Every structure is written in structure tokens, then in C-alpha cells.
Amino acid sequence: MAVETLVEQKLGVNTVMKIGDRIRVKESVIVYHHPEHRGEAFDIKDTEGEVISIINQWQGRPVSANLPIYVQFSKKFKAHLREAELELI
């Protein structure tokens, strides 16, 4: 049985998104680590990026990350998000 199948069964993780998919943030998400607005509240709603990782394993064991989708928006800005906060482009 594949590791992905085990993760889906044990954790209920069944993401439609894949690494390399283009996405857009569809909900209001406030971040404080945006490089141009560091330390300030900044809403990334409608920002577009690319999925660079989906966190479902750590050291070969399945995990249930709270924010499993890792997205790169620009060279200096990446963020972990929930699948419900994103839409495929």
C-alpha cells in the first residue's frame, strides 16, 4: 500500500492540489512576515503563487499539519496555508 494512501486513510488528507499548481488565495488571510510589510498585518487575499510542497510526512511518518500547503508567492515570500483558503487557477 502506498504511503499516500495510508496518509489519506489515517489522517483524512485528500488534497486536490499538487506540487507545481498555480493557486490564488480566495479568503482573507492576515500574515505578519511579508517582506514588504514585515511586522505589520498584511492581507494576502487574491495573491497568486505556486504550490511548492504539501506537508503530509515528517521523517517518513504521516503527520497532520494544520497548514499543509506550502506556497511560494515571490522570491522572498512563502507561506503555509490551508487548502480551504486556496483555489486553483
PDB file of N, CA and C in Angstrom:
ATOM      1  N   MET A   1       0.850  -1.182   0.000  1.00  0.00           N
ATOM      2  CA  MET A   1       0.000   0.000   0.000  1.00  0.00           C
ATOM      3  C   MET A   1       0.894   1.242   0.000  1.00  0.00           C
ATOM      4  N   ALA A   2       0.586   2.198  -0.823  1.00  0.00           N
ATOM      5  CA  ALA A   2       1.394   3.408  -0.955  1.00  0.00           C
ATOM      6  C   ALA A   2       1.278   4.274   0.292  1.00  0.00           C
ATOM      7  N   VAL A   3       2.332   5.036   0.569  1.00  0.00           N
ATOM      8  CA  VAL A   3       2.351   5.918   1.734  1.00  0.00           C
ATOM      9  C   VAL A   3       1.237   6.958   1.637  1.00  0.00           C
ATOM     10  N   GLU A   4       0.990   7.489   0.414  1.00  0.00           N
ATOM     11  CA  GLU A   4      -0.056   8.488   0.236  1.00  0.00           C
ATOM     12  C   GLU A   4      -1.419   7.936   0.637  1.00  0.00           C
ATOM     13  N   THR A   5      -1.678   6.680   0.284  1.00  0.00           N
ATOM     14  CA  THR A   5      -2.947   6.053   0.620  1.00  0.00           C
ATOM     15  C   THR A   5      -3.073   5.901   2.127  1.00  0.00           C
ATOM     16  N   LEU A   6      -1.994   5.513   2.797  1.00  0.00           N
ATOM     17  CA  LEU A   6      -2.019   5.402   4.254  1.00  0.00           C
ATOM     18  C   LEU A   6      -2.289   6.745   4.911  1.00  0.00           C
ATOM     19  N   VAL A   7      -1.669   7.787   4.406  1.00  0.00           N
ATOM     20  CA  VAL A   7      -1.866   9.125   4.951  1.00  0.00           C
ATOM     21  C   VAL A   7      -3.323   9.534   4.786  1.00  0.00           C
ATOM     22  N   GLU A   8      -3.883   9.304   3.603  1.00  0.00           N
ATOM     23  CA  GLU A   8      -5.287   9.654   3.359  1.00  0.00           C
ATOM     24  C   GLU A   8      -6.212   8.895   4.296  1.00  0.00           C
ATOM     25  N   GLN A   9      -5.936   7.614   4.526  1.00  0.00           N
ATOM     26  CA  GLN A   9      -6.797   6.811   5.386  1.00  0.00           C
ATOM     27  C   GLN A   9      -6.685   7.233   6.843  1.00  0.00           C
ATOM     28  N   LYS A  10      -5.470   7.406   7.353  1.00  0.00           N
ATOM     29  CA  LYS A  10      -5.269   7.703   8.771  1.00  0.00           C
ATOM     30  C   LYS A  10      -5.601   9.139   9.128  1.00  0.00           C
ATOM     31  N   LEU A  11      -5.311  10.077   8.244  1.00  0.00           N
ATOM     32  CA  LEU A  11      -5.448  11.487   8.588  1.00  0.00           C
ATOM     33  C   LEU A  11      -6.591  12.179   7.867  1.00  0.00           C
ATOM     34  N   GLY A  12      -7.225  11.510   6.952  1.00  0.00           N
ATOM     35  CA  GLY A  12      -8.292  12.148   6.199  1.00  0.00           C
ATOM     36  C   GLY A  12      -7.772  13.203   5.247  1.00  0.00           C
ATOM     37  N   VAL A  13      -6.502  13.145   4.890  1.00  0.00           N
ATOM     38  CA  VAL A  13      -5.900  14.115   3.976  1.00  0.00           C
ATOM     39  C   VAL A  13      -6.173  13.651   2.550  1.00  0.00           C
ATOM     40  N   ASN A  14      -6.858  14.455   1.796  1.00  0.00           N
ATOM     41  CA  ASN A  14      -7.147  14.120   0.406  1.00  0.00           C
ATOM     42  C   ASN A  14      -7.124  15.414  -0.387  1.00  0.00           C
ATOM     43  N   THR A  15      -5.948  15.917  -0.626  1.00  0.00           N
ATOM     44  CA  THR A  15      -5.799  17.207  -1.286  1.00  0.00           C
ATOM     45  C   THR A  15      -5.920  17.079  -2.799  1.00  0.00           C
ATOM     46  N   VAL A  16      -6.584  18.042  -3.401  1.00  0.00           N
ATOM     47  CA  VAL A  16      -6.752  18.095  -4.848  1.00  0.00           C
ATOM     48  C   VAL A  16      -5.519  18.737  -5.473  1.00  0.00           C
ATOM     49  N   MET A  17      -4.824  19.561  -4.720  1.00  0.00           N
ATOM     50  CA  MET A  17      -3.677  20.307  -5.232  1.00  0.00           C
ATOM     51  C   MET A  17      -2.436  19.438  -5.267  1.00  0.00           C
ATOM     52  N   LYS A  18      -1.570  19.773  -6.233  1.00  0.00           N
ATOM     53  CA  LYS A  18      -0.315  19.063  -6.390  1.00  0.00           C
ATOM     54  C   LYS A  18       0.823  20.073  -6.433  1.00  0.00           C
ATOM     55  N   ILE A  19       2.025  19.607  -6.206  1.00  0.00           N
ATOM     56  CA  ILE A  19       3.199  20.467  -6.302  1.00  0.00           C
ATOM     57  C   ILE A  19       3.284  21.000  -7.727  1.00  0.00           C
ATOM     58  N   GLY A  20       3.501  22.313  -7.850  1.00  0.00           N
ATOM     59  CA  GLY A  20       3.600  22.962  -9.152  1.00  0.00           C
ATOM     60  C   GLY A  20       2.318  23.640  -9.589  1.00  0.00           C
ATOM     61  N   ASP A  21       1.207  23.382  -8.906  1.00  0.00           N
ATOM     62  CA  ASP A  21      -0.065  24.018  -9.270  1.00  0.00           C
ATOM     63  C   ASP A  21      -0.029  25.509  -8.976  1.00  0.00           C
ATOM     64  N   ARG A  22      -0.626  26.299  -9.870  1.00  0.00           N
ATOM     65  CA  ARG A  22      -0.792  27.743  -9.645  1.00  0.00           C
ATOM     66  C   ARG A  22      -2.066  27.927  -8.827  1.00  0.00           C
ATOM     67  N   ILE A  23      -1.998  28.758  -7.795  1.00  0.00           N
ATOM     68  CA  ILE A  23      -3.151  28.965  -6.913  1.00  0.00           C
ATOM     69  C   ILE A  23      -3.367  30.456  -6.667  1.00  0.00           C
ATOM     70  N   ARG A  24      -4.523  30.761  -6.103  1.00  0.00           N
ATOM     71  CA  ARG A  24      -4.853  32.122  -5.666  1.00  0.00           C
ATOM     72  C   ARG A  24      -5.465  32.006  -4.279  1.00  0.00           C
ATOM     73  N   VAL A  25      -5.113  32.932  -3.391  1.00  0.00           N
ATOM     74  CA  VAL A  25      -5.701  32.955  -2.055  1.00  0.00           C
ATOM     75  C   VAL A  25      -7.104  33.532  -2.199  1.00  0.00           C
ATOM     76  N   LYS A  26      -8.120  32.744  -1.846  1.00  0.00           N
ATOM     77  CA  LYS A  26      -9.502  33.174  -2.072  1.00  0.00           C
ATOM     78  C   LYS A  26     -10.152  33.764  -0.833  1.00  0.00           C
ATOM     79  N   GLU A  27      -9.556  33.566   0.341  1.00  0.00           N
ATOM     80  CA  GLU A  27     -10.099  34.105   1.582  1.00  0.00           C
ATOM     81  C   GLU A  27      -9.134  35.131   2.159  1.00  0.00           C
ATOM     82  N   SER A  28      -9.630  35.935   3.058  1.00  0.00           N
ATOM     83  CA  SER A  28      -8.781  36.898   3.734  1.00  0.00           C
ATOM     84  C   SER A  28      -7.851  36.158   4.690  1.00  0.00           C
ATOM     85  N   VAL A  29      -6.546  36.283   4.467  1.00  0.00           N
ATOM     86  CA  VAL A  29      -5.533  35.661   5.319  1.00  0.00           C
ATOM     87  C   VAL A  29      -4.546  36.753   5.715  1.00  0.00           C
ATOM     88  N   ILE A  30      -4.426  36.991   7.009  1.00  0.00           N
ATOM     89  CA  ILE A  30      -3.514  38.017   7.517  1.00  0.00           C
ATOM     90  C   ILE A  30      -2.181  37.370   7.875  1.00  0.00           C
ATOM     91  N   VAL A  31      -1.086  37.930   7.344  1.00  0.00           N
ATOM     92  CA  VAL A  31       0.262  37.459   7.670  1.00  0.00           C
ATOM     93  C   VAL A  31       1.073  38.630   8.220  1.00  0.00           C
ATOM     94  N   TYR A  32       2.099  38.299   8.968  1.00  0.00           N
ATOM     95  CA  TYR A  32       2.969  39.319   9.554  1.00  0.00           C
ATOM     96  C   TYR A  32       4.403  39.191   9.061  1.00  0.00           C
ATOM     97  N   HIS A  33       4.643  38.263   8.129  1.00  0.00           N
ATOM     98  CA  HIS A  33       6.011  38.033   7.654  1.00  0.00           C
ATOM     99  C   HIS A  33       6.215  38.382   6.183  1.00  0.00           C
ATOM    100  N   HIS A  34       5.321  39.162   5.597  1.00  0.00           N
ATOM    101  CA  HIS A  34       5.502  39.587   4.204  1.00  0.00           C
ATOM    102  C   HIS A  34       6.717  40.509   4.138  1.00  0.00           C
ATOM    103  N   PRO A  35       7.649  40.274   3.207  1.00  0.00           N
ATOM    104  CA  PRO A  35       8.898  41.039   3.181  1.00  0.00           C
ATOM    105  C   PRO A  35       8.723  42.552   3.021  1.00  0.00           C
ATOM    106  N   GLU A  36       7.687  42.997   2.351  1.00  0.00           N
ATOM    107  CA  GLU A  36       7.478  44.433   2.160  1.00  0.00           C
ATOM    108  C   GLU A  36       6.673  45.064   3.288  1.00  0.00           C
ATOM    109  N   HIS A  37       6.104  44.240   4.150  1.00  0.00           N
ATOM    110  CA  HIS A  37       5.262  44.738   5.248  1.00  0.00           C
ATOM    111  C   HIS A  37       5.611  44.012   6.547  1.00  0.00           C
ATOM    112  N   ARG A  38       6.892  43.768   6.781  1.00  0.00           N
ATOM    113  CA  ARG A  38       7.322  42.971   7.932  1.00  0.00           C
ATOM    114  C   ARG A  38       6.874  43.604   9.245  1.00  0.00           C
ATOM    115  N   GLY A  39       6.273  42.764  10.099  1.00  0.00           N
ATOM    116  CA  GLY A  39       5.841  43.221  11.410  1.00  0.00           C
ATOM    117  C   GLY A  39       4.473  43.887  11.405  1.00  0.00           C
ATOM    118  N   GLU A  40       3.887  44.063  10.234  1.00  0.00           N
ATOM    119  CA  GLU A  40       2.569  44.678  10.124  1.00  0.00           C
ATOM    120  C   GLU A  40       1.572  43.623   9.644  1.00  0.00           C
ATOM    121  N   ALA A  41       0.311  43.815   9.973  1.00  0.00           N
ATOM    122  CA  ALA A  41      -0.723  42.940   9.448  1.00  0.00           C
ATOM    123  C   ALA A  41      -0.882  43.217   7.952  1.00  0.00           C
ATOM    124  N   PHE A  42      -0.854  42.164   7.137  1.00  0.00           N
ATOM    125  CA  PHE A  42      -0.984  42.313   5.688  1.00  0.00           C
ATOM    126  C   PHE A  42      -1.881  41.202   5.170  1.00  0.00           C
ATOM    127  N   ASP A  43      -2.929  41.561   4.449  1.00  0.00           N
ATOM    128  CA  ASP A  43      -3.876  40.599   3.905  1.00  0.00           C
ATOM    129  C   ASP A  43      -3.391  40.125   2.538  1.00  0.00           C
ATOM    130  N   ILE A  44      -3.256  38.802   2.356  1.00  0.00           N
ATOM    131  CA  ILE A  44      -2.765  38.255   1.090  1.00  0.00           C
ATOM    132  C   ILE A  44      -3.900  37.736   0.210  1.00  0.00           C
ATOM    133  N   LYS A  45      -5.148  38.144   0.475  1.00  0.00           N
ATOM    134  CA  LYS A  45      -6.274  37.729  -0.353  1.00  0.00           C
ATOM    135  C   LYS A  45      -6.018  38.140  -1.811  1.00  0.00           C
ATOM    136  N   ASP A  46      -6.345  37.264  -2.741  1.00  0.00           N
ATOM    137  CA  ASP A  46      -6.190  37.445  -4.191  1.00  0.00           C
ATOM    138  C   ASP A  46      -4.735  37.410  -4.666  1.00  0.00           C
ATOM    139  N   THR A  47      -3.795  37.069  -3.802  1.00  0.00           N
ATOM    140  CA  THR A  47      -2.399  36.923  -4.197  1.00  0.00           C
ATOM    141  C   THR A  47      -2.222  35.566  -4.868  1.00  0.00           C
ATOM    142  N   GLU A  48      -1.442  35.521  -5.942  1.00  0.00           N
ATOM    143  CA  GLU A  48      -1.222  34.285  -6.680  1.00  0.00           C
ATOM    144  C   GLU A  48       0.164  33.737  -6.402  1.00  0.00           C
ATOM    145  N   GLY A  49       0.264  32.402  -6.409  1.00  0.00           N
ATOM    146  CA  GLY A  49       1.541  31.755  -6.158  1.00  0.00           C
ATOM    147  C   GLY A  49       1.552  30.340  -6.699  1.00  0.00           C
ATOM    148  N   GLU A  50       2.567  29.580  -6.290  1.00  0.00           N
ATOM    149  CA  GLU A  50       2.747  28.210  -6.758  1.00  0.00           C
ATOM    150  C   GLU A  50       2.953  27.286  -5.563  1.00  0.00           C
ATOM    151  N   VAL A  51       2.286  26.136  -5.577  1.00  0.00           N
ATOM    152  CA  VAL A  51       2.440  25.140  -4.518  1.00  0.00           C
ATOM    153  C   VAL A  51       3.832  24.536  -4.656  1.00  0.00           C
ATOM    154  N   ILE A  52       4.638  24.635  -3.594  1.00  0.00           N
ATOM    155  CA  ILE A  52       5.991  24.062  -3.648  1.00  0.00           C
ATOM    156  C   ILE A  52       6.124  22.821  -2.781  1.00  0.00           C
ATOM    157  N   SER A  53       5.147  22.594  -1.878  1.00  0.00           N
ATOM    158  CA  SER A  53       5.203  21.410  -1.036  1.00  0.00           C
ATOM    159  C   SER A  53       3.843  21.179  -0.392  1.00  0.00           C
ATOM    160  N   ILE A  54       3.552  19.910  -0.134  1.00  0.00           N
ATOM    161  CA  ILE A  54       2.367  19.538   0.629  1.00  0.00           C
ATOM    162  C   ILE A  54       2.867  18.701   1.796  1.00  0.00           C
ATOM    163  N   ILE A  55       2.700  19.232   2.981  1.00  0.00           N
ATOM    164  CA  ILE A  55       3.261  18.609   4.175  1.00  0.00           C
ATOM    165  C   ILE A  55       2.319  17.514   4.677  1.00  0.00           C
ATOM    166  N   ASN A  56       2.704  16.253   4.472  1.00  0.00           N
ATOM    167  CA  ASN A  56       1.919  15.146   4.992  1.00  0.00           C
ATOM    168  C   ASN A  56       2.800  14.054   5.595  1.00  0.00           C
ATOM    169  N   GLN A  57       4.117  14.287   5.582  1.00  0.00           N
ATOM    170  CA  GLN A  57       5.056  13.342   6.179  1.00  0.00           C
ATOM    171  C   GLN A  57       6.167  14.095   6.892  1.00  0.00           C
ATOM    172  N   TRP A  58       6.687  13.478   7.952  1.00  0.00           N
ATOM    173  CA  TRP A  58       7.862  14.002   8.624  1.00  0.00           C
ATOM    174  C   TRP A  58       8.704  12.814   9.016  1.00  0.00           C
ATOM    175  N   GLN A  59       9.910  12.751   8.514  1.00  0.00           N
ATOM    176  CA  GLN A  59      10.832  11.646   8.730  1.00  0.00           C
ATOM    177  C   GLN A  59      10.187  10.310   8.377  1.00  0.00           C
ATOM    178  N   GLY A  60       9.436  10.303   7.260  1.00  0.00           N
ATOM    179  CA  GLY A  60       8.839   9.078   6.766  1.00  0.00           C
ATOM    180  C   GLY A  60       7.555   8.651   7.453  1.00  0.00           C
ATOM    181  N   ARG A  61       7.097   9.405   8.434  1.00  0.00           N
ATOM    182  CA  ARG A  61       5.864   9.053   9.138  1.00  0.00           C
ATOM    183  C   ARG A  61       4.781  10.065   8.801  1.00  0.00           C
ATOM    184  N   PRO A  62       3.533   9.614   8.697  1.00  0.00           N
ATOM    185  CA  PRO A  62       2.446  10.540   8.377  1.00  0.00           C
ATOM    186  C   PRO A  62       2.192  11.534   9.510  1.00  0.00           C
ATOM    187  N   VAL A  63       1.924  12.779   9.139  1.00  0.00           N
ATOM    188  CA  VAL A  63       1.590  13.822  10.114  1.00  0.00           C
ATOM    189  C   VAL A  63       0.359  14.573   9.627  1.00  0.00           C
ATOM    190  N   SER A  64      -0.311  15.212  10.557  1.00  0.00           N
ATOM    191  CA  SER A  64      -1.487  16.013  10.191  1.00  0.00           C
ATOM    192  C   SER A  64      -1.160  17.476  10.463  1.00  0.00           C
ATOM    193  N   ALA A  65      -0.554  18.116   9.495  1.00  0.00           N
ATOM    194  CA  ALA A  65      -0.183  19.520   9.632  1.00  0.00           C
ATOM    195  C   ALA A  65      -1.428  20.397   9.609  1.00  0.00           C
ATOM    196  N   ASN A  66      -1.455  21.431  10.439  1.00  0.00           N
ATOM    197  CA  ASN A  66      -2.580  22.366  10.455  1.00  0.00           C
ATOM    198  C   ASN A  66      -2.633  23.191   9.170  1.00  0.00           C
ATOM    199  N   LEU A  67      -1.476  23.543   8.648  1.00  0.00           N
ATOM    200  CA  LEU A  67      -1.370  24.347   7.430  1.00  0.00           C
ATOM    201  C   LEU A  67      -0.497  23.577   6.433  1.00  0.00           C
ATOM    202  N   PRO A  68      -1.062  22.572   5.757  1.00  0.00           N
ATOM    203  CA  PRO A  68      -0.241  21.641   4.972  1.00  0.00           C
ATOM    204  C   PRO A  68       0.232  22.124   3.603  1.00  0.00           C
ATOM    205  N   ILE A  69      -0.373  23.150   3.033  1.00  0.00           N
ATOM    206  CA  ILE A  69       0.002  23.587   1.685  1.00  0.00           C
ATOM    207  C   ILE A  69       1.034  24.707   1.797  1.00  0.00           C
ATOM    208  N   TYR A  70       2.244  24.464   1.260  1.00  0.00           N
ATOM    209  CA  TYR A  70       3.335  25.439   1.313  1.00  0.00           C
ATOM    210  C   TYR A  70       3.412  26.120  -0.049  1.00  0.00           C
ATOM    211  N   VAL A  71       3.205  27.433  -0.069  1.00  0.00           N
ATOM    212  CA  VAL A  71       3.081  28.194  -1.314  1.00  0.00           C
ATOM    213  C   VAL A  71       4.165  29.254  -1.406  1.00  0.00           C
ATOM    214  N   GLN A  72       4.763  29.379  -2.591  1.00  0.00           N
ATOM    215  CA  GLN A  72       5.730  30.445  -2.855  1.00  0.00           C
ATOM    216  C   GLN A  72       5.031  31.498  -3.700  1.00  0.00           C
ATOM    217  N   PHE A  73       4.975  32.728  -3.163  1.00  0.00           N
ATOM    218  CA  PHE A  73       4.321  33.831  -3.856  1.00  0.00           C
ATOM    219  C   PHE A  73       5.325  34.678  -4.627  1.00  0.00           C
ATOM    220  N   SER A  74       6.510  34.864  -4.079  1.00  0.00           N
ATOM    221  CA  SER A  74       7.578  35.599  -4.753  1.00  0.00           C
ATOM    222  C   SER A  74       8.904  34.999  -4.302  1.00  0.00           C
ATOM    223  N   LYS A  75       9.989  35.558  -4.801  1.00  0.00           N
ATOM    224  CA  LYS A  75      11.306  35.021  -4.449  1.00  0.00           C
ATOM    225  C   LYS A  75      11.536  35.037  -2.928  1.00  0.00           C
ATOM    226  N   LYS A  76      11.013  36.065  -2.251  1.00  0.00           N
ATOM    227  CA  LYS A  76      11.263  36.235  -0.823  1.00  0.00           C
ATOM    228  C   LYS A  76      10.065  35.897   0.065  1.00  0.00           C
ATOM    229  N   PHE A  77       8.927  35.537  -0.497  1.00  0.00           N
ATOM    230  CA  PHE A  77       7.736  35.331   0.315  1.00  0.00           C
ATOM    231  C   PHE A  77       7.095  33.967   0.075  1.00  0.00           C
ATOM    232  N   LYS A  78       7.069  33.159   1.140  1.00  0.00           N
ATOM    233  CA  LYS A  78       6.425  31.851   1.136  1.00  0.00           C
ATOM    234  C   LYS A  78       5.524  31.786   2.367  1.00  0.00           C
ATOM    235  N   ALA A  79       4.483  30.941   2.291  1.00  0.00           N
ATOM    236  CA  ALA A  79       3.585  30.809   3.430  1.00  0.00           C
ATOM    237  C   ALA A  79       2.941  29.423   3.432  1.00  0.00           C
ATOM    238  N   HIS A  80       2.632  28.937   4.634  1.00  0.00           N
ATOM    239  CA  HIS A  80       1.874  27.706   4.823  1.00  0.00           C
ATOM    240  C   HIS A  80       0.406  28.085   4.925  1.00  0.00           C
ATOM    241  N   LEU A  81      -0.455  27.395   4.174  1.00  0.00           N
ATOM    242  CA  LEU A  81      -1.877  27.720   4.149  1.00  0.00           C
ATOM    243  C   LEU A  81      -2.718  26.452   4.174  1.00  0.00           C
ATOM    244  N   ARG A  82      -4.016  26.620   4.473  1.00  0.00           N
ATOM    245  CA  ARG A  82      -4.981  25.527   4.397  1.00  0.00           C
ATOM    246  C   ARG A  82      -5.511  25.433   2.975  1.00  0.00           C
ATOM    247  N   GLU A  83      -5.929  24.248   2.587  1.00  0.00           N
ATOM    248  CA  GLU A  83      -6.475  24.061   1.248  1.00  0.00           C
ATOM    249  C   GLU A  83      -7.755  24.869   1.062  1.00  0.00           C
ATOM    250  N   ALA A  84      -8.538  25.032   2.107  1.00  0.00           N
ATOM    251  CA  ALA A  84      -9.800  25.781   2.024  1.00  0.00           C
ATOM    252  C   ALA A  84      -9.573  27.258   1.734  1.00  0.00           C
ATOM    253  N   GLU A  85      -8.383  27.780   1.990  1.00  0.00           N
ATOM    254  CA  GLU A  85      -8.072  29.182   1.753  1.00  0.00           C
ATOM    255  C   GLU A  85      -7.615  29.452   0.325  1.00  0.00           C
ATOM    256  N   LEU A  86      -7.443  28.382  -0.461  1.00  0.00           N
ATOM    257  CA  LEU A  86      -6.856  28.498  -1.794  1.00  0.00           C
ATOM    258  C   LEU A  86      -7.797  28.000  -2.877  1.00  0.00           C
ATOM    259  N   GLU A  87      -7.563  28.499  -4.103  1.00  0.00           N
ATOM    260  CA  GLU A  87      -8.266  27.983  -5.269  1.00  0.00           C
ATOM    261  C   GLU A  87      -7.257  27.800  -6.388  1.00  0.00           C
ATOM    262  N   LEU A  88      -7.491  26.778  -7.201  1.00  0.00           N
ATOM    263  CA  LEU A  88      -6.628  26.526  -8.353  1.00  0.00           C
ATOM    264  C   LEU A  88      -6.921  27.559  -9.441  1.00  0.00           C
ATOM    265  N   ILE A  89      -5.878  27.947 -10.156  1.00  0.00           N
ATOM    266  CA  ILE A  89      -6.053  28.893 -11.272  1.00  0.00           C
ATOM    267  C   ILE A  89      -6.085  28.088 -12.562  1.00  0.00           C
TER     268      ILE A  89
END
